[in-house]
């Protein structure tokens, strides 16, 4: 059982991770690979709304996706986007990245290799990794405007969508930990962490939501 306090703390982390950017037209969209296929749904919706002419789906597999997406996250994202009417000509694949930093770097390098000029990126991630993805992209891709996007769903609805409450809470805690430790390793920009967020994170750690910690 997950306690009411744990759910309340998870909501605090969920709210903090959201950047609350308003989507606007960008040079390119980048869909960050994960276990969450709704990233591709959001990318398709934004493409049809004219927010970018081209989307890069990036991601290999990880321990949370090897069973769900055995051909690789980018491949499964592309299949989903095609089902939703995005043309093949508007999709590029980056199938090798295994973490957020590689997602950004490999996508950037792919676009450079294709001589595609990029001044802004609509960065599409899971809802609880918006801030981590944003901070990483700002660190690794200087001179490019970063706009964050994700599925506009509340935490409870997202948990039902994924079907594994503990996985979602573990991933929330893992995303928060990376905001704390990765700036010192040069992986992302440092974020100011409110006291309430730090306290919620510590309580969730103490209650064992730690499987995604590094």
N, C-alpha and C. Protein backbone atom coordinates (compact mmCIF):
# COMPACT_ATOMS: atom_id res chain seq x y z
N UNK A 1 0.84 -1.20 0.00
CA UNK A 1 0.00 0.00 0.00
C UNK A 1 0.88 1.26 0.00
N UNK A 2 0.44 2.26 -0.74
CA UNK A 2 1.11 3.56 -0.75
C UNK A 2 0.31 4.51 0.12
N UNK A 3 0.97 5.10 1.11
CA UNK A 3 0.27 5.92 2.10
C UNK A 3 -0.20 7.25 1.50
N UNK A 4 -1.13 7.87 2.21
CA UNK A 4 -1.60 9.20 1.78
C UNK A 4 -0.45 10.20 1.77
N UNK A 5 0.45 10.09 2.76
CA UNK A 5 1.58 11.00 2.79
C UNK A 5 2.48 10.81 1.57
N UNK A 6 2.71 9.58 1.18
CA UNK A 6 3.54 9.32 0.00
C UNK A 6 2.90 9.90 -1.25
N UNK A 7 1.59 9.74 -1.39
CA UNK A 7 0.90 10.32 -2.54
C UNK A 7 0.99 11.84 -2.53
N UNK A 8 0.86 12.43 -1.35
CA UNK A 8 0.97 13.89 -1.25
C UNK A 8 2.38 14.35 -1.62
N UNK A 9 3.38 13.63 -1.17
CA UNK A 9 4.76 13.98 -1.51
C UNK A 9 5.03 13.79 -3.00
N UNK A 10 4.46 12.73 -3.57
CA UNK A 10 4.62 12.51 -5.01
C UNK A 10 4.00 13.65 -5.80
N UNK A 11 2.88 14.17 -5.33
CA UNK A 11 2.23 15.30 -6.00
C UNK A 11 3.12 16.54 -5.97
N UNK A 12 3.82 16.74 -4.85
CA UNK A 12 4.74 17.88 -4.74
C UNK A 12 5.84 17.76 -5.79
N UNK A 13 6.44 16.57 -5.91
CA UNK A 13 7.49 16.37 -6.92
C UNK A 13 6.94 16.51 -8.32
N UNK A 14 5.77 15.95 -8.55
CA UNK A 14 5.12 16.04 -9.87
C UNK A 14 4.93 17.49 -10.29
N UNK A 15 4.39 18.30 -9.38
CA UNK A 15 4.14 19.71 -9.69
C UNK A 15 5.44 20.46 -9.95
N UNK A 16 6.49 20.13 -9.19
CA UNK A 16 7.77 20.82 -9.36
C UNK A 16 8.42 20.47 -10.69
N UNK A 17 8.30 19.24 -11.11
CA UNK A 17 8.96 18.82 -12.34
C UNK A 17 8.35 19.46 -13.58
N UNK A 18 7.11 19.86 -13.53
CA UNK A 18 6.46 20.48 -14.68
C UNK A 18 6.99 21.91 -14.86
N UNK A 19 7.42 22.23 -16.08
CA UNK A 19 7.94 23.56 -16.37
C UNK A 19 6.83 24.56 -16.71
N UNK A 20 5.65 24.05 -17.09
CA UNK A 20 4.49 24.89 -17.40
C UNK A 20 4.76 25.87 -18.55
N UNK A 21 5.53 25.42 -19.54
CA UNK A 21 5.75 26.22 -20.73
C UNK A 21 4.52 26.15 -21.64
N UNK A 22 4.24 27.23 -22.32
CA UNK A 22 3.20 27.23 -23.34
C UNK A 22 3.82 26.79 -24.66
N UNK A 23 3.33 25.71 -25.27
CA UNK A 23 3.91 25.28 -26.55
C UNK A 23 3.85 26.38 -27.60
N UNK A 24 4.92 26.52 -28.35
CA UNK A 24 4.97 27.51 -29.43
C UNK A 24 5.83 26.95 -30.55
N UNK A 25 5.66 27.48 -31.76
CA UNK A 25 6.40 26.92 -32.90
C UNK A 25 7.91 26.95 -32.69
N UNK A 26 8.56 25.81 -33.00
CA UNK A 26 10.00 25.67 -32.84
C UNK A 26 10.59 25.06 -34.11
N UNK A 27 11.90 25.10 -34.21
CA UNK A 27 12.58 24.56 -35.39
C UNK A 27 12.36 23.06 -35.52
N UNK A 28 12.33 22.38 -34.37
CA UNK A 28 12.25 20.92 -34.37
C UNK A 28 11.64 20.45 -33.06
N UNK A 29 11.00 19.29 -33.09
CA UNK A 29 10.58 18.63 -31.87
C UNK A 29 11.51 17.46 -31.59
N UNK A 30 11.72 17.18 -30.31
CA UNK A 30 12.51 16.02 -29.92
C UNK A 30 11.72 15.24 -28.87
N UNK A 31 11.40 13.99 -29.20
CA UNK A 31 10.69 13.11 -28.28
C UNK A 31 11.66 12.22 -27.55
N UNK A 32 11.79 12.40 -26.25
CA UNK A 32 12.78 11.68 -25.45
C UNK A 32 12.28 10.29 -25.09
N UNK A 33 13.07 9.28 -25.44
CA UNK A 33 12.69 7.91 -25.22
C UNK A 33 12.47 7.56 -23.76
N UNK A 34 11.52 6.64 -23.53
CA UNK A 34 11.19 6.19 -22.18
C UNK A 34 10.19 5.04 -22.31
N UNK A 35 9.67 4.59 -21.17
CA UNK A 35 8.63 3.56 -21.19
C UNK A 35 7.27 4.11 -21.56
N UNK A 36 7.16 5.43 -21.69
CA UNK A 36 5.88 6.13 -21.81
C UNK A 36 5.59 6.47 -23.28
N UNK A 37 4.72 5.70 -23.90
CA UNK A 37 4.40 5.90 -25.31
C UNK A 37 3.61 7.18 -25.55
N UNK A 38 3.04 7.77 -24.49
CA UNK A 38 2.30 9.02 -24.68
C UNK A 38 3.20 10.17 -25.11
N UNK A 39 4.52 10.03 -24.95
CA UNK A 39 5.44 11.03 -25.50
C UNK A 39 5.24 11.14 -27.00
N UNK A 40 5.09 10.01 -27.67
CA UNK A 40 4.84 10.02 -29.11
C UNK A 40 3.47 10.61 -29.43
N UNK A 41 2.48 10.36 -28.58
CA UNK A 41 1.15 10.94 -28.78
C UNK A 41 1.22 12.47 -28.73
N UNK A 42 1.94 12.98 -27.73
CA UNK A 42 2.08 14.43 -27.60
C UNK A 42 2.82 15.01 -28.80
N UNK A 43 3.88 14.32 -29.23
CA UNK A 43 4.65 14.79 -30.38
C UNK A 43 3.77 14.86 -31.62
N UNK A 44 2.94 13.83 -31.84
CA UNK A 44 2.05 13.83 -33.00
C UNK A 44 1.06 14.98 -32.93
N UNK A 45 0.49 15.20 -31.75
CA UNK A 45 -0.47 16.30 -31.58
C UNK A 45 0.20 17.65 -31.88
N UNK A 46 1.40 17.85 -31.34
CA UNK A 46 2.10 19.12 -31.57
C UNK A 46 2.46 19.29 -33.04
N UNK A 47 2.85 18.20 -33.70
CA UNK A 47 3.14 18.29 -35.14
C UNK A 47 1.90 18.73 -35.91
N UNK A 48 0.77 18.11 -35.62
CA UNK A 48 -0.46 18.45 -36.34
C UNK A 48 -0.94 19.87 -36.02
N UNK A 49 -0.52 20.39 -34.89
CA UNK A 49 -0.86 21.78 -34.54
C UNK A 49 0.13 22.78 -35.14
N UNK A 50 1.10 22.29 -35.90
CA UNK A 50 2.05 23.16 -36.58
C UNK A 50 3.15 23.70 -35.71
N UNK A 51 3.49 22.97 -34.63
CA UNK A 51 4.50 23.46 -33.70
C UNK A 51 5.92 23.17 -34.16
N UNK A 52 6.09 22.26 -35.10
CA UNK A 52 7.41 21.99 -35.70
C UNK A 52 7.19 21.21 -36.98
N UNK A 53 8.13 21.33 -37.94
CA UNK A 53 8.02 20.59 -39.20
C UNK A 53 8.67 19.22 -39.17
N UNK A 54 9.44 18.95 -38.11
CA UNK A 54 10.25 17.74 -38.04
C UNK A 54 10.38 17.32 -36.59
N UNK A 55 10.31 16.00 -36.33
CA UNK A 55 10.50 15.51 -34.98
C UNK A 55 11.56 14.42 -34.97
N UNK A 56 12.43 14.47 -33.98
CA UNK A 56 13.42 13.42 -33.74
C UNK A 56 12.94 12.58 -32.58
N UNK A 57 12.81 11.28 -32.79
CA UNK A 57 12.55 10.36 -31.69
C UNK A 57 13.87 9.70 -31.32
N UNK A 58 14.22 9.77 -30.04
CA UNK A 58 15.53 9.34 -29.59
C UNK A 58 15.42 8.35 -28.44
N UNK A 59 16.15 7.24 -28.53
CA UNK A 59 16.18 6.29 -27.43
C UNK A 59 16.42 4.87 -27.88
N UNK A 60 17.27 4.17 -27.15
CA UNK A 60 17.52 2.74 -27.36
C UNK A 60 16.55 1.97 -26.46
N UNK A 61 17.07 1.16 -25.55
CA UNK A 61 16.24 0.49 -24.56
C UNK A 61 16.89 0.65 -23.19
N UNK A 62 16.11 0.42 -22.15
CA UNK A 62 16.61 0.44 -20.78
C UNK A 62 15.94 -0.71 -20.03
N UNK A 63 16.23 -0.83 -18.77
CA UNK A 63 15.65 -1.94 -18.00
C UNK A 63 14.14 -1.79 -17.87
N UNK A 64 13.60 -0.57 -18.00
CA UNK A 64 12.16 -0.38 -17.92
C UNK A 64 11.48 -0.45 -19.28
N UNK A 65 12.25 -0.54 -20.37
CA UNK A 65 11.62 -0.57 -21.69
C UNK A 65 11.96 -1.79 -22.53
N UNK A 66 12.90 -2.60 -22.08
CA UNK A 66 13.33 -3.72 -22.92
C UNK A 66 12.19 -4.70 -23.20
N UNK A 67 11.25 -4.86 -22.28
CA UNK A 67 10.11 -5.74 -22.51
C UNK A 67 8.99 -5.01 -23.24
N UNK A 68 8.75 -3.75 -22.88
CA UNK A 68 7.67 -2.98 -23.50
C UNK A 68 7.99 -2.58 -24.93
N UNK A 69 9.26 -2.26 -25.19
CA UNK A 69 9.66 -1.72 -26.49
C UNK A 69 10.93 -2.43 -26.97
N UNK A 70 10.82 -3.70 -27.30
CA UNK A 70 12.02 -4.50 -27.59
C UNK A 70 12.82 -4.02 -28.81
N UNK A 71 12.19 -3.30 -29.74
CA UNK A 71 12.91 -2.81 -30.91
C UNK A 71 13.57 -1.45 -30.66
N UNK A 72 13.42 -0.94 -29.45
CA UNK A 72 13.99 0.36 -29.11
C UNK A 72 12.92 1.43 -28.99
N UNK A 73 13.14 2.34 -28.07
CA UNK A 73 12.14 3.38 -27.79
C UNK A 73 11.85 4.24 -29.01
N UNK A 74 12.89 4.67 -29.71
CA UNK A 74 12.70 5.53 -30.87
C UNK A 74 11.86 4.84 -31.94
N UNK A 75 12.11 3.56 -32.16
CA UNK A 75 11.36 2.81 -33.17
C UNK A 75 9.88 2.72 -32.81
N UNK A 76 9.58 2.42 -31.55
CA UNK A 76 8.19 2.31 -31.13
C UNK A 76 7.51 3.67 -31.13
N UNK A 77 8.23 4.72 -30.78
CA UNK A 77 7.67 6.06 -30.87
C UNK A 77 7.30 6.39 -32.32
N UNK A 78 8.20 6.07 -33.25
CA UNK A 78 7.92 6.36 -34.67
C UNK A 78 6.68 5.61 -35.13
N UNK A 79 6.57 4.34 -34.77
CA UNK A 79 5.40 3.57 -35.17
C UNK A 79 4.12 4.22 -34.67
N UNK A 80 4.14 4.67 -33.43
CA UNK A 80 2.96 5.32 -32.86
C UNK A 80 2.65 6.62 -33.58
N UNK A 81 3.66 7.42 -33.87
CA UNK A 81 3.44 8.68 -34.57
C UNK A 81 2.88 8.45 -35.96
N UNK A 82 3.38 7.42 -36.65
CA UNK A 82 2.84 7.09 -37.97
C UNK A 82 1.38 6.69 -37.88
N UNK A 83 1.02 5.93 -36.86
CA UNK A 83 -0.38 5.57 -36.64
C UNK A 83 -1.25 6.81 -36.47
N UNK A 84 -0.67 7.85 -35.90
CA UNK A 84 -1.41 9.08 -35.61
C UNK A 84 -1.29 10.11 -36.74
N UNK A 85 -0.78 9.68 -37.89
CA UNK A 85 -0.83 10.53 -39.07
C UNK A 85 0.36 11.41 -39.33
N UNK A 86 1.44 11.26 -38.56
CA UNK A 86 2.66 12.01 -38.85
C UNK A 86 3.35 11.33 -40.04
N UNK A 87 3.70 12.07 -41.10
CA UNK A 87 4.33 11.43 -42.26
C UNK A 87 5.76 10.99 -41.98
N UNK A 88 6.17 9.95 -42.67
CA UNK A 88 7.53 9.44 -42.51
C UNK A 88 8.56 10.53 -42.76
N UNK A 89 8.28 11.42 -43.71
CA UNK A 89 9.23 12.47 -44.06
C UNK A 89 9.46 13.47 -42.94
N UNK A 90 8.58 13.49 -41.94
CA UNK A 90 8.69 14.45 -40.83
C UNK A 90 9.34 13.82 -39.60
N UNK A 91 9.85 12.59 -39.71
CA UNK A 91 10.40 11.87 -38.57
C UNK A 91 11.84 11.48 -38.82
N UNK A 92 12.70 11.77 -37.85
CA UNK A 92 14.07 11.26 -37.82
C UNK A 92 14.22 10.37 -36.59
N UNK A 93 15.04 9.32 -36.72
CA UNK A 93 15.28 8.41 -35.61
C UNK A 93 16.71 8.53 -35.11
N UNK A 94 16.83 8.52 -33.78
CA UNK A 94 18.13 8.43 -33.12
C UNK A 94 18.01 7.23 -32.19
N UNK A 95 18.53 6.06 -32.56
CA UNK A 95 18.22 4.83 -31.84
C UNK A 95 19.25 4.38 -30.80
N UNK A 96 20.20 5.23 -30.45
CA UNK A 96 21.32 4.77 -29.63
C UNK A 96 21.36 5.34 -28.21
N UNK A 97 20.68 6.41 -27.94
CA UNK A 97 20.79 7.09 -26.65
C UNK A 97 20.22 6.23 -25.53
N UNK A 98 20.93 6.22 -24.38
CA UNK A 98 20.50 5.43 -23.23
C UNK A 98 20.30 6.26 -21.97
N UNK A 99 20.41 7.57 -22.08
CA UNK A 99 20.09 8.46 -20.97
C UNK A 99 19.75 9.83 -21.54
N UNK A 100 19.30 10.73 -20.68
CA UNK A 100 18.82 12.02 -21.16
C UNK A 100 19.93 12.84 -21.82
N UNK A 101 21.13 12.79 -21.25
CA UNK A 101 22.24 13.52 -21.86
C UNK A 101 22.52 13.03 -23.26
N UNK A 102 22.52 11.70 -23.45
CA UNK A 102 22.74 11.16 -24.79
C UNK A 102 21.58 11.49 -25.72
N UNK A 103 20.35 11.48 -25.19
CA UNK A 103 19.21 11.91 -26.02
C UNK A 103 19.47 13.28 -26.64
N UNK A 104 19.93 14.19 -25.82
CA UNK A 104 20.16 15.56 -26.29
C UNK A 104 21.35 15.61 -27.22
N UNK A 105 22.47 15.07 -26.81
CA UNK A 105 23.69 15.17 -27.62
C UNK A 105 23.56 14.44 -28.96
N UNK A 106 23.01 13.24 -28.93
CA UNK A 106 22.91 12.47 -30.16
C UNK A 106 21.89 13.10 -31.12
N UNK A 107 20.80 13.64 -30.58
CA UNK A 107 19.83 14.32 -31.44
C UNK A 107 20.43 15.58 -32.04
N UNK A 108 21.13 16.33 -31.23
CA UNK A 108 21.82 17.53 -31.73
C UNK A 108 22.78 17.17 -32.85
N UNK A 109 23.59 16.14 -32.64
CA UNK A 109 24.58 15.76 -33.65
C UNK A 109 23.91 15.25 -34.93
N UNK A 110 22.81 14.53 -34.78
CA UNK A 110 22.08 14.05 -35.95
C UNK A 110 21.58 15.22 -36.80
N UNK A 111 21.05 16.23 -36.15
CA UNK A 111 20.54 17.39 -36.87
C UNK A 111 21.67 18.17 -37.53
N UNK A 112 22.80 18.28 -36.85
CA UNK A 112 23.96 18.93 -37.46
C UNK A 112 24.42 18.16 -38.69
N UNK A 113 24.48 16.85 -38.58
CA UNK A 113 24.91 16.02 -39.71
C UNK A 113 23.97 16.17 -40.91
N UNK A 114 22.69 16.43 -40.63
CA UNK A 114 21.72 16.60 -41.72
C UNK A 114 21.64 18.05 -42.21
N UNK A 115 22.50 18.92 -41.67
CA UNK A 115 22.51 20.34 -42.04
C UNK A 115 21.16 21.01 -41.79
N UNK A 116 20.52 20.60 -40.69
CA UNK A 116 19.23 21.19 -40.31
C UNK A 116 19.50 22.29 -39.27
N UNK A 117 19.15 23.49 -39.62
CA UNK A 117 19.40 24.63 -38.73
C UNK A 117 18.37 24.64 -37.60
N UNK A 118 18.87 24.75 -36.39
CA UNK A 118 18.00 24.69 -35.21
C UNK A 118 18.26 25.91 -34.33
N UNK A 119 17.22 26.70 -34.11
CA UNK A 119 17.30 27.82 -33.18
C UNK A 119 16.44 27.59 -31.95
N UNK A 120 15.49 26.64 -32.05
CA UNK A 120 14.61 26.35 -30.92
C UNK A 120 14.17 24.89 -30.99
N UNK A 121 13.94 24.31 -29.82
CA UNK A 121 13.56 22.90 -29.70
C UNK A 121 12.33 22.79 -28.80
N UNK A 122 11.32 22.06 -29.28
CA UNK A 122 10.21 21.69 -28.43
C UNK A 122 10.53 20.31 -27.87
N UNK A 123 10.88 20.27 -26.61
CA UNK A 123 11.43 19.07 -25.98
C UNK A 123 10.31 18.32 -25.27
N UNK A 124 10.01 17.13 -25.77
CA UNK A 124 8.85 16.38 -25.30
C UNK A 124 9.32 15.21 -24.44
N UNK A 125 8.81 15.16 -23.22
CA UNK A 125 9.25 14.15 -22.26
C UNK A 125 8.06 13.62 -21.47
N UNK A 126 8.32 12.72 -20.56
CA UNK A 126 7.31 12.35 -19.57
C UNK A 126 7.02 13.57 -18.71
N UNK A 127 5.80 13.65 -18.15
CA UNK A 127 5.47 14.85 -17.36
C UNK A 127 6.42 15.10 -16.20
N UNK A 128 6.87 14.03 -15.53
CA UNK A 128 7.71 14.23 -14.34
C UNK A 128 9.19 14.35 -14.68
N UNK A 129 9.53 14.47 -15.95
CA UNK A 129 10.93 14.69 -16.31
C UNK A 129 11.12 15.96 -17.14
N UNK A 130 10.11 16.82 -17.16
CA UNK A 130 10.25 18.06 -17.91
C UNK A 130 11.45 18.87 -17.40
N UNK A 131 11.53 19.06 -16.09
CA UNK A 131 12.57 19.94 -15.54
C UNK A 131 13.96 19.34 -15.75
N UNK A 132 14.07 18.04 -15.54
CA UNK A 132 15.36 17.39 -15.76
C UNK A 132 15.79 17.51 -17.22
N UNK A 133 14.87 17.26 -18.14
CA UNK A 133 15.19 17.35 -19.56
C UNK A 133 15.57 18.77 -19.95
N UNK A 134 14.83 19.73 -19.43
CA UNK A 134 15.09 21.14 -19.73
C UNK A 134 16.48 21.54 -19.24
N UNK A 135 16.80 21.20 -18.00
CA UNK A 135 18.09 21.56 -17.42
C UNK A 135 19.24 20.90 -18.17
N UNK A 136 19.01 19.67 -18.64
CA UNK A 136 20.04 18.97 -19.40
C UNK A 136 20.26 19.61 -20.76
N UNK A 137 19.16 19.91 -21.44
CA UNK A 137 19.27 20.52 -22.77
C UNK A 137 19.92 21.90 -22.70
N UNK A 138 19.56 22.68 -21.69
CA UNK A 138 20.15 24.01 -21.55
C UNK A 138 21.66 23.92 -21.33
N UNK A 139 22.10 22.87 -20.66
CA UNK A 139 23.53 22.69 -20.39
C UNK A 139 24.27 22.22 -21.64
N UNK A 140 23.69 21.31 -22.39
CA UNK A 140 24.40 20.63 -23.47
C UNK A 140 24.20 21.25 -24.85
N UNK A 141 23.22 22.15 -24.96
CA UNK A 141 22.90 22.70 -26.28
C UNK A 141 22.78 24.22 -26.16
N UNK A 142 23.90 24.87 -26.04
CA UNK A 142 23.93 26.31 -25.82
C UNK A 142 23.45 27.05 -27.08
N UNK A 143 22.81 28.18 -26.85
CA UNK A 143 22.38 29.03 -27.95
C UNK A 143 21.08 28.62 -28.59
N UNK A 144 20.43 27.59 -28.06
CA UNK A 144 19.16 27.12 -28.60
C UNK A 144 18.06 27.31 -27.56
N UNK A 145 16.93 27.86 -27.96
CA UNK A 145 15.80 28.03 -27.05
C UNK A 145 15.14 26.68 -26.81
N UNK A 146 14.88 26.37 -25.55
CA UNK A 146 14.26 25.10 -25.18
C UNK A 146 12.87 25.36 -24.62
N UNK A 147 11.88 24.71 -25.20
CA UNK A 147 10.50 24.77 -24.72
C UNK A 147 10.09 23.36 -24.32
N UNK A 148 9.58 23.21 -23.11
CA UNK A 148 9.23 21.88 -22.58
C UNK A 148 7.77 21.55 -22.85
N UNK A 149 7.51 20.25 -23.09
CA UNK A 149 6.14 19.79 -23.30
C UNK A 149 6.02 18.36 -22.81
N UNK A 150 4.81 18.00 -22.39
CA UNK A 150 4.51 16.62 -21.99
C UNK A 150 2.99 16.46 -22.00
N UNK A 151 2.54 15.25 -21.73
CA UNK A 151 1.10 15.00 -21.70
C UNK A 151 0.46 15.81 -20.58
N UNK A 152 -0.60 16.56 -20.87
CA UNK A 152 -1.23 17.41 -19.86
C UNK A 152 -2.22 16.64 -19.00
N UNK A 153 -1.69 15.72 -18.19
CA UNK A 153 -2.55 14.87 -17.37
C UNK A 153 -2.18 15.02 -15.90
N UNK A 154 -3.13 14.90 -14.99
CA UNK A 154 -2.82 14.91 -13.56
C UNK A 154 -2.13 13.62 -13.14
N UNK A 155 -1.49 13.67 -11.97
CA UNK A 155 -0.73 12.52 -11.49
C UNK A 155 -1.57 11.25 -11.42
N UNK A 156 -2.76 11.32 -10.84
CA UNK A 156 -3.58 10.13 -10.67
C UNK A 156 -3.92 9.50 -12.01
N UNK A 157 -4.24 10.33 -12.99
CA UNK A 157 -4.56 9.81 -14.32
C UNK A 157 -3.33 9.19 -14.97
N UNK A 158 -2.17 9.80 -14.75
CA UNK A 158 -0.94 9.27 -15.33
C UNK A 158 -0.61 7.91 -14.73
N UNK A 159 -0.78 7.77 -13.43
CA UNK A 159 -0.53 6.48 -12.78
C UNK A 159 -1.43 5.41 -13.36
N UNK A 160 -2.70 5.74 -13.59
CA UNK A 160 -3.63 4.78 -14.20
C UNK A 160 -3.17 4.42 -15.61
N UNK A 161 -2.67 5.39 -16.35
CA UNK A 161 -2.19 5.16 -17.71
C UNK A 161 -1.02 4.20 -17.74
N UNK A 162 -0.05 4.39 -16.83
CA UNK A 162 1.13 3.54 -16.78
C UNK A 162 0.80 2.18 -16.17
N UNK A 163 -0.11 2.17 -15.19
CA UNK A 163 -0.55 0.91 -14.60
C UNK A 163 0.37 0.35 -13.53
N UNK A 164 1.32 1.16 -13.06
CA UNK A 164 2.27 0.68 -12.05
C UNK A 164 2.59 1.85 -11.12
N UNK A 165 1.79 2.03 -10.05
CA UNK A 165 1.98 3.19 -9.17
C UNK A 165 3.38 3.28 -8.58
N UNK A 166 3.91 2.17 -8.14
CA UNK A 166 5.23 2.22 -7.51
C UNK A 166 6.30 2.63 -8.50
N UNK A 167 6.21 2.17 -9.73
CA UNK A 167 7.18 2.58 -10.74
C UNK A 167 7.14 4.09 -10.93
N UNK A 168 5.95 4.66 -11.00
CA UNK A 168 5.85 6.11 -11.20
C UNK A 168 6.47 6.86 -10.03
N UNK A 169 6.19 6.44 -8.79
CA UNK A 169 6.77 7.13 -7.65
C UNK A 169 8.28 6.94 -7.60
N UNK A 170 8.76 5.74 -7.91
CA UNK A 170 10.20 5.52 -7.96
C UNK A 170 10.86 6.42 -9.02
N UNK A 171 10.22 6.55 -10.17
CA UNK A 171 10.78 7.38 -11.23
C UNK A 171 10.75 8.86 -10.84
N UNK A 172 9.71 9.29 -10.17
CA UNK A 172 9.65 10.67 -9.67
C UNK A 172 10.82 10.96 -8.74
N UNK A 173 11.07 10.04 -7.83
CA UNK A 173 12.17 10.21 -6.88
C UNK A 173 13.51 10.22 -7.62
N UNK A 174 13.66 9.32 -8.59
CA UNK A 174 14.89 9.28 -9.36
C UNK A 174 15.13 10.56 -10.14
N UNK A 175 14.08 11.10 -10.74
CA UNK A 175 14.22 12.35 -11.48
C UNK A 175 14.64 13.49 -10.56
N UNK A 176 14.07 13.51 -9.35
CA UNK A 176 14.42 14.56 -8.39
C UNK A 176 15.87 14.42 -7.94
N UNK A 177 16.31 13.19 -7.68
CA UNK A 177 17.70 13.00 -7.26
C UNK A 177 18.67 13.53 -8.30
N UNK A 178 18.37 13.31 -9.56
CA UNK A 178 19.28 13.76 -10.62
C UNK A 178 19.38 15.28 -10.66
N UNK A 179 18.30 15.96 -10.33
CA UNK A 179 18.38 17.43 -10.23
C UNK A 179 19.36 17.86 -9.15
N UNK A 180 19.52 17.03 -8.13
CA UNK A 180 20.40 17.36 -7.01
C UNK A 180 21.86 17.04 -7.31
N UNK A 181 22.13 15.92 -7.97
CA UNK A 181 23.51 15.46 -8.09
C UNK A 181 24.15 15.71 -9.45
N UNK A 182 23.35 15.79 -10.50
CA UNK A 182 23.94 15.90 -11.84
C UNK A 182 24.59 17.25 -12.14
N UNK A 183 24.13 18.36 -11.56
CA UNK A 183 24.84 19.62 -11.84
C UNK A 183 26.32 19.56 -11.47
N UNK A 184 26.65 18.92 -10.34
CA UNK A 184 28.05 18.82 -9.93
C UNK A 184 28.87 17.96 -10.88
N UNK A 185 28.20 17.10 -11.63
CA UNK A 185 28.89 16.24 -12.59
C UNK A 185 28.92 16.85 -14.00
N UNK A 186 28.37 18.05 -14.13
CA UNK A 186 28.40 18.74 -15.41
C UNK A 186 27.34 18.29 -16.39
N UNK A 187 26.32 17.55 -15.92
CA UNK A 187 25.32 16.99 -16.83
C UNK A 187 24.15 17.93 -17.08
N UNK A 188 23.92 18.89 -16.19
CA UNK A 188 22.76 19.77 -16.34
C UNK A 188 22.98 21.05 -15.55
N UNK A 189 22.15 22.05 -15.84
CA UNK A 189 22.19 23.29 -15.07
C UNK A 189 21.60 23.05 -13.68
N UNK A 190 22.09 23.79 -12.70
CA UNK A 190 21.59 23.67 -11.34
C UNK A 190 20.23 24.35 -11.22
N UNK A 191 19.32 23.69 -10.54
CA UNK A 191 17.98 24.22 -10.30
C UNK A 191 17.83 24.56 -8.82
N UNK A 192 17.14 25.62 -8.52
CA UNK A 192 16.83 25.94 -7.13
C UNK A 192 15.72 25.01 -6.65
N UNK A 193 15.94 24.30 -5.55
CA UNK A 193 14.99 23.32 -5.04
C UNK A 193 14.27 23.90 -3.83
N UNK A 194 12.97 24.13 -3.91
CA UNK A 194 12.24 24.65 -2.75
C UNK A 194 12.31 23.68 -1.56
N UNK A 195 12.23 24.22 -0.37
CA UNK A 195 12.31 23.41 0.84
C UNK A 195 11.24 22.32 0.87
N UNK A 196 10.04 22.65 0.43
CA UNK A 196 8.95 21.68 0.45
C UNK A 196 9.23 20.51 -0.48
N UNK A 197 9.87 20.79 -1.61
CA UNK A 197 10.21 19.73 -2.57
C UNK A 197 11.31 18.83 -1.99
N UNK A 198 12.32 19.45 -1.38
CA UNK A 198 13.40 18.67 -0.77
C UNK A 198 12.86 17.76 0.33
N UNK A 199 11.93 18.28 1.14
CA UNK A 199 11.37 17.48 2.22
C UNK A 199 10.53 16.32 1.68
N UNK A 200 9.75 16.56 0.65
CA UNK A 200 8.95 15.49 0.04
C UNK A 200 9.86 14.41 -0.52
N UNK A 201 10.92 14.80 -1.18
CA UNK A 201 11.89 13.85 -1.73
C UNK A 201 12.51 12.99 -0.63
N UNK A 202 12.93 13.61 0.45
CA UNK A 202 13.56 12.87 1.54
C UNK A 202 12.58 11.88 2.17
N UNK A 203 11.33 12.28 2.34
CA UNK A 203 10.35 11.36 2.92
C UNK A 203 10.11 10.15 2.01
N UNK A 204 10.00 10.40 0.71
CA UNK A 204 9.78 9.28 -0.21
C UNK A 204 10.98 8.33 -0.22
N UNK A 205 12.18 8.89 -0.15
CA UNK A 205 13.37 8.04 -0.05
C UNK A 205 13.33 7.18 1.20
N UNK A 206 12.95 7.80 2.31
CA UNK A 206 12.94 7.08 3.59
C UNK A 206 11.89 5.98 3.61
N UNK A 207 10.88 6.09 2.74
CA UNK A 207 9.83 5.08 2.67
C UNK A 207 10.07 4.07 1.54
N UNK A 208 11.29 4.10 0.98
CA UNK A 208 11.70 3.02 0.11
C UNK A 208 11.43 3.18 -1.37
N UNK A 209 11.09 4.40 -1.80
CA UNK A 209 10.86 4.61 -3.23
C UNK A 209 12.20 4.96 -3.90
N UNK A 210 13.06 3.98 -3.95
CA UNK A 210 14.47 4.25 -4.26
C UNK A 210 15.02 3.41 -5.42
N UNK A 211 14.19 2.68 -6.12
CA UNK A 211 14.73 1.75 -7.12
C UNK A 211 15.36 2.47 -8.32
N UNK A 212 15.02 3.74 -8.50
CA UNK A 212 15.57 4.49 -9.64
C UNK A 212 16.65 5.47 -9.23
N UNK A 213 17.14 5.37 -8.00
CA UNK A 213 18.25 6.22 -7.58
C UNK A 213 19.54 5.71 -8.21
N UNK A 214 20.47 6.63 -8.45
CA UNK A 214 21.77 6.24 -8.99
C UNK A 214 22.78 6.14 -7.86
